[in-house]
């Protein structure tokens, strides 16, 4: 029963609305027939309005997209500035530490300054050289021991002497190379302290090798003198 009542009510509501729609449609047709000239004149305006509204909506969408891109660019720019600031701080800290190390380290000689050894350096250099008399004593002891040796010992002494001459020649070549001080900023750039130390060691080794060479020469003279005296005594005994 209730369903039938609702159905009848819905039918009456539909009839009422259909009547209203029919009335409105008739009114529109009357207005259209009466204002047809005005509608024809105003139609381009409404068409242009619709087109402009569409373009306006498109521009609004583009503006929103650009705003989002601007926000992203600002965020990226801010992060980049922070990173640059961090890198700058790290560079300043490294420069500060390097400056402190340079200030704490020994002062290097200026450009073009001659490396003139001081009195203390010369004293230390001569103090590190071997004693000449001690080397002569060693050479005499070796000569006394070598007098009773065989031919193989003579050959070994000859080899040692040749090695001594070769080492001395190598030291002379190295000394000539080190005599030319490297130019700052060139390919042979090196620290003055290392260069001075290497040059000093080379000079000391060369002095030592020259002393050994002199000892060997004196030993040869001594041996030749002994041989001459032995030959003379043997000749006298035979005669």
C-alpha atoms as a PDB file:
ATOM      1  CA  UNK A   1       0.000   0.000   0.000  1.00  0.00           C
ATOM      2  CA  UNK A   2       2.767   2.369   0.932  1.00  0.00           C
ATOM      3  CA  UNK A   3       4.701   1.475  -2.210  1.00  0.00           C
ATOM      4  CA  UNK A   4       1.696   2.274  -4.353  1.00  0.00           C
ATOM      5  CA  UNK A   5       1.336   5.643  -2.608  1.00  0.00           C
ATOM      6  CA  UNK A   6       5.048   6.410  -3.274  1.00  0.00           C
ATOM      7  CA  UNK A   7       4.645   5.390  -6.902  1.00  0.00           C
ATOM      8  CA  UNK A   8       1.598   7.625  -7.327  1.00  0.00           C
ATOM      9  CA  UNK A   9       3.448  10.521  -5.621  1.00  0.00           C
ATOM     10  CA  UNK A  10       6.470  10.045  -7.891  1.00  0.00           C
ATOM     11  CA  UNK A  11       4.211  10.028 -10.958  1.00  0.00           C
ATOM     12  CA  UNK A  12       2.571  13.294  -9.921  1.00  0.00           C
ATOM     13  CA  UNK A  13       6.040  14.880  -9.246  1.00  0.00           C
ATOM     14  CA  UNK A  14       7.279  13.767 -12.619  1.00  0.00           C
ATOM     15  CA  UNK A  15       4.189  15.187 -14.316  1.00  0.00           C
ATOM     16  CA  UNK A  16       4.629  18.490 -12.526  1.00  0.00           C
ATOM     17  CA  UNK A  17       8.308  18.787 -13.486  1.00  0.00           C
ATOM     18  CA  UNK A  18       7.573  17.780 -17.086  1.00  0.00           C
ATOM     19  CA  UNK A  19       4.981  20.527 -17.274  1.00  0.00           C
ATOM     20  CA  UNK A  20       7.507  23.076 -15.927  1.00  0.00           C
ATOM     21  CA  UNK A  21      10.132  21.930 -18.412  1.00  0.00           C
ATOM     22  CA  UNK A  22       7.637  22.131 -21.250  1.00  0.00           C
ATOM     23  CA  UNK A  23       6.666  25.642 -20.240  1.00  0.00           C
ATOM     24  CA  UNK A  24      10.341  26.732 -20.037  1.00  0.00           C
ATOM     25  CA  UNK A  25      11.094  25.188 -23.408  1.00  0.00           C
ATOM     26  CA  UNK A  26       8.194  27.024 -25.020  1.00  0.00           C
ATOM     27  CA  UNK A  27       9.386  30.263 -23.433  1.00  0.00           C
ATOM     28  CA  UNK A  28      12.899  29.716 -24.819  1.00  0.00           C
ATOM     29  CA  UNK A  29      11.549  29.107 -28.276  1.00  0.00           C
ATOM     30  CA  UNK A  30       9.485  32.276 -28.089  1.00  0.00           C
ATOM     31  CA  UNK A  31      12.493  34.321 -26.934  1.00  0.00           C
ATOM     32  CA  UNK A  32      14.704  32.780 -29.588  1.00  0.00           C
ATOM     33  CA  UNK A  33      12.238  33.624 -32.341  1.00  0.00           C
ATOM     34  CA  UNK A  34      11.783  37.132 -30.977  1.00  0.00           C
ATOM     35  CA  UNK A  35      15.488  37.895 -30.258  1.00  0.00           C
ATOM     36  CA  UNK A  36      17.009  36.018 -33.129  1.00  0.00           C
ATOM     37  CA  UNK A  37      18.873  39.090 -34.489  1.00  0.00           C
ATOM     38  CA  UNK A  38      20.379  39.881 -31.093  1.00  0.00           C
ATOM     39  CA  UNK A  39      21.456  36.283 -30.636  1.00  0.00           C
ATOM     40  CA  UNK A  40      23.164  36.290 -34.019  1.00  0.00           C
ATOM     41  CA  UNK A  41      24.994  39.531 -33.162  1.00  0.00           C
ATOM     42  CA  UNK A  42      26.117  38.358 -29.694  1.00  0.00           C
ATOM     43  CA  UNK A  43      27.130  34.813 -30.693  1.00  0.00           C
ATOM     44  CA  UNK A  44      30.771  35.813 -31.662  1.00  0.00           C
ATOM     45  CA  UNK A  45      31.135  37.433 -28.245  1.00  0.00           C
ATOM     46  CA  UNK A  46      30.176  34.272 -26.405  1.00  0.00           C
ATOM     47  CA  UNK A  47      32.354  32.171 -28.678  1.00  0.00           C
ATOM     48  CA  UNK A  48      35.311  34.467 -27.975  1.00  0.00           C
ATOM     49  CA  UNK A  49      34.493  34.406 -24.288  1.00  0.00           C
ATOM     50  CA  UNK A  50      34.578  30.618 -24.267  1.00  0.00           C
ATOM     51  CA  UNK A  51      37.904  30.613 -26.116  1.00  0.00           C
ATOM     52  CA  UNK A  52      39.407  33.189 -23.751  1.00  0.00           C
ATOM     53  CA  UNK A  53      38.178  31.238 -20.756  1.00  0.00           C
ATOM     54  CA  UNK A  54      39.855  28.120 -22.096  1.00  0.00           C
ATOM     55  CA  UNK A  55      43.127  30.004 -22.680  1.00  0.00           C
ATOM     56  CA  UNK A  56      42.869  31.531 -19.216  1.00  0.00           C
ATOM     57  CA  UNK A  57      42.524  28.103 -17.652  1.00  0.00           C
ATOM     58  CA  UNK A  58      45.549  26.914 -19.632  1.00  0.00           C
ATOM     59  CA  UNK A  59      47.608  29.912 -18.453  1.00  0.00           C
ATOM     60  CA  UNK A  60      46.547  29.257 -14.874  1.00  0.00           C
ATOM     61  CA  UNK A  61      47.748  25.683 -15.172  1.00  0.00           C
ATOM     62  CA  UNK A  62      51.069  26.884 -16.582  1.00  0.00           C
ATOM     63  CA  UNK A  63      51.429  29.407 -13.765  1.00  0.00           C
ATOM     64  CA  UNK A  64      50.854  26.709 -11.177  1.00  0.00           C
ATOM     65  CA  UNK A  65      53.450  24.500 -12.869  1.00  0.00           C
ATOM     66  CA  UNK A  66      55.959  27.380 -12.967  1.00  0.00           C
ATOM     67  CA  UNK A  67      55.313  28.096  -9.288  1.00  0.00           C
ATOM     68  CA  UNK A  68      56.088  24.491  -8.411  1.00  0.00           C
ATOM     69  CA  UNK A  69      59.263  24.633 -10.524  1.00  0.00           C
ATOM     70  CA  UNK A  70      60.290  27.868  -8.773  1.00  0.00           C
ATOM     71  CA  UNK A  71      59.838  26.243  -5.377  1.00  0.00           C
ATOM     72  CA  UNK A  72      61.973  23.289  -6.479  1.00  0.00           C
ATOM     73  CA  UNK A  73      64.645  25.630  -7.906  1.00  0.00           C
ATOM     74  CA  UNK A  74      64.739  27.656  -4.679  1.00  0.00           C
ATOM     75  CA  UNK A  75      65.140  24.491  -2.635  1.00  0.00           C
ATOM     76  CA  UNK A  76      67.930  23.230  -4.896  1.00  0.00           C
ATOM     77  CA  UNK A  77      69.624  26.647  -4.831  1.00  0.00           C
ATOM     78  CA  UNK A  78      69.474  26.734  -1.047  1.00  0.00           C
ATOM     79  CA  UNK A  79      70.999  23.261  -0.784  1.00  0.00           C
ATOM     80  CA  UNK A  80      73.725  24.216  -3.267  1.00  0.00           C
ATOM     81  CA  UNK A  81      74.586  27.328  -1.252  1.00  0.00           C
ATOM     82  CA  UNK A  82      74.853  25.232   1.904  1.00  0.00           C
ATOM     83  CA  UNK A  83      77.152  22.765   0.159  1.00  0.00           C
ATOM     84  CA  UNK A  84      79.312  25.594  -1.213  1.00  0.00           C
ATOM     85  CA  UNK A  85      79.536  27.127   2.245  1.00  0.00           C
ATOM     86  CA  UNK A  86      80.577  23.768   3.688  1.00  0.00           C
ATOM     87  CA  UNK A  87      83.227  23.302   0.983  1.00  0.00           C
ATOM     88  CA  UNK A  88      84.506  26.848   1.580  1.00  0.00           C
ATOM     89  CA  UNK A  89      84.814  26.176   5.308  1.00  0.00           C
ATOM     90  CA  UNK A  90      86.733  22.959   4.643  1.00  0.00           C
ATOM     91  CA  UNK A  91      89.102  24.795   2.282  1.00  0.00           C
ATOM     92  CA  UNK A  92      89.716  27.522   4.877  1.00  0.00           C
ATOM     93  CA  UNK A  93      90.394  24.891   7.540  1.00  0.00           C
ATOM     94  CA  UNK A  94      92.875  23.089   5.273  1.00  0.00           C
ATOM     95  CA  UNK A  95      94.617  26.353   4.404  1.00  0.00           C
ATOM     96  CA  UNK A  96      94.806  27.234   8.066  1.00  0.00           C
ATOM     97  CA  UNK A  97      96.343  23.872   8.969  1.00  0.00           C
ATOM     98  CA  UNK A  98      98.851  24.129   6.093  1.00  0.00           C
ATOM     99  CA  UNK A  99      99.807  27.660   7.175  1.00  0.00           C
ATOM    100  CA  UNK A 100     100.331  26.483  10.750  1.00  0.00           C
ATOM    101  CA  UNK A 101     102.536  23.611   9.560  1.00  0.00           C
ATOM    102  CA  UNK A 102     104.598  26.004   7.442  1.00  0.00           C
ATOM    103  CA  UNK A 103     104.991  28.385  10.357  1.00  0.00           C
ATOM    104  CA  UNK A 104     106.035  25.562  12.689  1.00  0.00           C
ATOM    105  CA  UNK A 105     108.513  24.120  10.176  1.00  0.00           C
ATOM    106  CA  UNK A 106     112.043  25.407   9.496  1.00  0.00           C
ATOM    107  CA  UNK A 107     112.379  28.487   7.353  1.00  0.00           C
ATOM    108  CA  UNK A 108     113.729  27.764   3.886  1.00  0.00           C
ATOM    109  CA  UNK A 109     116.390  29.983   2.286  1.00  0.00           C
ATOM    110  CA  UNK A 110     115.183  32.707  -0.026  1.00  0.00           C
ATOM    111  CA  UNK A 111     115.264  32.581  -3.806  1.00  0.00           C
ATOM    112  CA  UNK A 112     118.833  32.957  -5.066  1.00  0.00           C
ATOM    113  CA  UNK A 113     120.380  32.537  -1.613  1.00  0.00           C
ATOM    114  CA  UNK A 114     123.751  30.785  -1.706  1.00  0.00           C
ATOM    115  CA  UNK A 115     124.148  27.665   0.338  1.00  0.00           C
ATOM    116  CA  UNK A 116     127.189  28.660   2.381  1.00  0.00           C
ATOM    117  CA  UNK A 117     127.855  26.059   5.100  1.00  0.00           C
ATOM    118  CA  UNK A 118     128.236  27.426   8.587  1.00  0.00           C
ATOM    119  CA  UNK A 119     131.180  26.796  10.908  1.00  0.00           C
ATOM    120  CA  UNK A 120     129.183  24.212  12.879  1.00  0.00           C
ATOM    121  CA  UNK A 121     128.288  22.295   9.714  1.00  0.00           C
ATOM    122  CA  UNK A 122     131.945  22.238   8.624  1.00  0.00           C
ATOM    123  CA  UNK A 123     132.965  21.037  12.077  1.00  0.00           C
ATOM    124  CA  UNK A 124     130.350  18.272  12.046  1.00  0.00           C
ATOM    125  CA  UNK A 125     131.388  17.301   8.539  1.00  0.00           C
ATOM    126  CA  UNK A 126     135.064  16.944   9.466  1.00  0.00           C
ATOM    127  CA  UNK A 127     134.162  15.137  12.673  1.00  0.00           C
ATOM    128  CA  UNK A 128     132.223  12.503  10.734  1.00  0.00           C
ATOM    129  CA  UNK A 129     135.186  11.753   8.426  1.00  0.00           C
ATOM    130  CA  UNK A 130     137.285   8.692   9.355  1.00  0.00           C
ATOM    131  CA  UNK A 131     140.659   9.144  11.065  1.00  0.00           C
ATOM    132  CA  UNK A 132     143.473   9.179   8.504  1.00  0.00           C
ATOM    133  CA  UNK A 133     145.997   7.479  10.778  1.00  0.00           C
ATOM    134  CA  UNK A 134     143.470   4.791  11.689  1.00  0.00           C
ATOM    135  CA  UNK A 135     142.841   4.078   8.018  1.00  0.00           C
ATOM    136  CA  UNK A 136     146.590   3.871   7.368  1.00  0.00           C
ATOM    137  CA  UNK A 137     146.996   1.419  10.230  1.00  0.00           C
ATOM    138  CA  UNK A 138     144.226  -0.707   8.774  1.00  0.00           C
ATOM    139  CA  UNK A 139     145.901  -0.583   5.376  1.00  0.00           C
ATOM    140  CA  UNK A 140     149.252  -1.641   6.888  1.00  0.00           C
ATOM    141  CA  UNK A 141     147.617  -4.543   8.720  1.00  0.00           C
ATOM    142  CA  UNK A 142     145.943  -5.622   5.519  1.00  0.00           C
ATOM    143  CA  UNK A 143     149.245  -5.334   3.650  1.00  0.00           C
ATOM    144  CA  UNK A 144     151.028  -7.482   6.232  1.00  0.00           C
ATOM    145  CA  UNK A 145     148.308 -10.121   6.019  1.00  0.00           C
ATOM    146  CA  UNK A 146     148.241 -10.022   2.239  1.00  0.00           C
ATOM    147  CA  UNK A 147     152.016 -10.660   1.949  1.00  0.00           C
ATOM    148  CA  UNK A 148     151.468 -14.294   3.037  1.00  0.00           C
ATOM    149  CA  UNK A 149     148.379 -14.813   0.812  1.00  0.00           C
ATOM    150  CA  UNK A 150     148.111 -16.729  -2.439  1.00  0.00           C
ATOM    151  CA  UNK A 151     147.432 -15.596  -5.997  1.00  0.00           C
ATOM    152  CA  UNK A 152     143.686 -15.847  -5.373  1.00  0.00           C
ATOM    153  CA  UNK A 153     143.927 -13.230  -2.632  1.00  0.00           C
ATOM    154  CA  UNK A 154     145.817 -10.947  -5.016  1.00  0.00           C
ATOM    155  CA  UNK A 155     143.066 -11.361  -7.570  1.00  0.00           C
ATOM    156  CA  UNK A 156     140.415 -10.567  -4.945  1.00  0.00           C
ATOM    157  CA  UNK A 157     142.355  -7.453  -3.874  1.00  0.00           C
ATOM    158  CA  UNK A 158     142.505  -6.403  -7.490  1.00  0.00           C
ATOM    159  CA  UNK A 159     138.742  -6.859  -7.810  1.00  0.00           C
ATOM    160  CA  UNK A 160     138.153  -4.880  -4.634  1.00  0.00           C
ATOM    161  CA  UNK A 161     140.388  -2.112  -5.926  1.00  0.00           C
ATOM    162  CA  UNK A 162     138.518  -2.037  -9.236  1.00  0.00           C
ATOM    163  CA  UNK A 163     135.222  -1.892  -7.340  1.00  0.00           C
ATOM    164  CA  UNK A 164     136.676   0.941  -5.276  1.00  0.00           C
ATOM    165  CA  UNK A 165     137.581   2.888  -8.426  1.00  0.00           C
ATOM    166  CA  UNK A 166     134.135   2.245  -9.917  1.00  0.00           C
ATOM    167  CA  UNK A 167     132.391   3.417  -6.737  1.00  0.00           C
ATOM    168  CA  UNK A 168     134.572   6.518  -6.698  1.00  0.00           C
ATOM    169  CA  UNK A 169     133.696   7.294 -10.335  1.00  0.00           C
ATOM    170  CA  UNK A 170     129.988   6.851  -9.561  1.00  0.00           C
ATOM    171  CA  UNK A 171     130.277   9.228  -6.619  1.00  0.00           C
ATOM    172  CA  UNK A 172     132.025  11.811  -8.805  1.00  0.00           C
ATOM    173  CA  UNK A 173     129.220  11.628 -11.373  1.00  0.00           C
ATOM    174  CA  UNK A 174     126.594  11.930  -8.645  1.00  0.00           C
ATOM    175  CA  UNK A 175     128.459  14.913  -7.158  1.00  0.00           C
ATOM    176  CA  UNK A 176     128.433  16.662 -10.538  1.00  0.00           C
ATOM    177  CA  UNK A 177     124.683  16.095 -10.808  1.00  0.00           C
ATOM    178  CA  UNK A 178     124.051  17.418  -7.319  1.00  0.00           C
ATOM    179  CA  UNK A 179     126.341  20.417  -7.887  1.00  0.00           C
ATOM    180  CA  UNK A 180     123.588  21.954 -10.036  1.00  0.00           C
ATOM    181  CA  UNK A 181     120.950  23.158  -7.609  1.00  0.00           C
ATOM    182  CA  UNK A 182     117.373  22.470  -8.844  1.00  0.00           C
ATOM    183  CA  UNK A 183     115.386  25.509  -9.939  1.00  0.00           C
ATOM    184  CA  UNK A 184     112.251  26.206  -7.904  1.00  0.00           C
ATOM    185  CA  UNK A 185     109.149  25.360  -9.927  1.00  0.00           C
ATOM    186  CA  UNK A 186     111.052  23.299 -12.538  1.00  0.00           C
ATOM    187  CA  UNK A 187     110.988  19.601 -13.249  1.00  0.00           C
ATOM    188  CA  UNK A 188     113.859  18.939 -10.816  1.00  0.00           C
ATOM    189  CA  UNK A 189     112.103  20.742  -7.992  1.00  0.00           C
ATOM    190  CA  UNK A 190     112.923  19.338  -4.543  1.00  0.00           C
ATOM    191  CA  UNK A 191     113.228  20.575  -1.017  1.00  0.00           C
ATOM    192  CA  UNK A 192     116.493  22.318  -0.112  1.00  0.00           C
ATOM    193  CA  UNK A 193     116.911  20.259   3.049  1.00  0.00           C
ATOM    194  CA  UNK A 194     116.834  16.961   1.145  1.00  0.00           C
ATOM    195  CA  UNK A 195     119.187  18.330  -1.515  1.00  0.00           C
ATOM    196  CA  UNK A 196     121.697  19.591   1.069  1.00  0.00           C
ATOM    197  CA  UNK A 197     121.599  16.311   2.977  1.00  0.00           C
ATOM    198  CA  UNK A 198     122.150  14.236  -0.162  1.00  0.00           C
ATOM    199  CA  UNK A 199     124.989  16.508  -1.311  1.00  0.00           C
ATOM    200  CA  UNK A 200     126.649  16.335   2.111  1.00  0.00           C
ATOM    201  CA  UNK A 201     126.430  12.535   2.214  1.00  0.00           C
ATOM    202  CA  UNK A 202     127.874  12.297  -1.300  1.00  0.00           C
ATOM    203  CA  UNK A 203     130.821  14.546  -0.380  1.00  0.00           C
ATOM    204  CA  UNK A 204     131.541  12.514   2.752  1.00  0.00           C
ATOM    205  CA  UNK A 205     131.416   9.220   0.836  1.00  0.00           C
ATOM    206  CA  UNK A 206     133.674  10.620  -1.879  1.00  0.00           C
ATOM    207  CA  UNK A 207     136.216  11.816   0.713  1.00  0.00           C
ATOM    208  CA  UNK A 208     136.183   8.394   2.328  1.00  0.00           C
ATOM    209  CA  UNK A 209     136.652   6.629  -1.020  1.00  0.00           C
ATOM    210  CA  UNK A 210     139.547   8.956  -1.913  1.00  0.00           C
ATOM    211  CA  UNK A 211     141.204   8.129   1.407  1.00  0.00           C
ATOM    212  CA  UNK A 212     140.801   4.440   0.695  1.00  0.00           C
ATOM    213  CA  UNK A 213     142.273   4.990  -2.776  1.00  0.00           C
ATOM    214  CA  UNK A 214     145.296   6.763  -1.291  1.00  0.00           C
ATOM    215  CA  UNK A 215     145.720   3.941   1.210  1.00  0.00           C
ATOM    216  CA  UNK A 216     145.614   1.401  -1.607  1.00  0.00           C
ATOM    217  CA  UNK A 217     148.219   3.370  -3.564  1.00  0.00           C
ATOM    218  CA  UNK A 218     150.519   3.575  -0.533  1.00  0.00           C
ATOM    219  CA  UNK A 219     150.001  -0.129   0.026  1.00  0.00           C
ATOM    220  CA  UNK A 220     151.069  -0.842  -3.567  1.00  0.00           C
ATOM    221  CA  UNK A 221     154.158   1.306  -3.105  1.00  0.00           C
ATOM    222  CA  UNK A 222     154.938  -0.488   0.136  1.00  0.00           C
ATOM    223  CA  UNK A 223     154.543  -3.910  -1.497  1.00  0.00           C
ATOM    224  CA  UNK A 224     156.708  -2.941  -4.455  1.00  0.00           C
ATOM    225  CA  UNK A 225     159.404  -1.720  -2.055  1.00  0.00           C
ATOM    226  CA  UNK A 226     159.318  -5.018  -0.157  1.00  0.00           C
ATOM    227  CA  UNK A 227     159.562  -6.993  -3.399  1.00  0.00           C
ATOM    228  CA  UNK A 228     162.534  -4.923  -4.543  1.00  0.00           C
ATOM    229  CA  UNK A 229     164.325  -5.489  -1.232  1.00  0.00           C
ATOM    230  CA  UNK A 230     163.594  -9.232  -1.371  1.00  0.00           C
ATOM    231  CA  UNK A 231     164.888  -9.428  -4.955  1.00  0.00           C
ATOM    232  CA  UNK A 232     168.067  -7.614  -3.976  1.00  0.00           C
ATOM    233  CA  UNK A 233     168.667  -9.907  -1.003  1.00  0.00           C
ATOM    234  CA  UNK A 234     168.032 -13.024  -3.115  1.00  0.00           C
ATOM    235  CA  UNK A 235     170.496 -11.810  -5.766  1.00  0.00           C
ATOM    236  CA  UNK A 236     173.135 -11.194  -3.110  1.00  0.00           C
ATOM    237  CA  UNK A 237     172.616 -14.678  -1.658  1.00  0.00           C
ATOM    238  CA  UNK A 238     172.950 -16.299  -5.090  1.00  0.00           C
ATOM    239  CA  UNK A 239     176.117 -14.364  -5.832  1.00  0.00           C
END
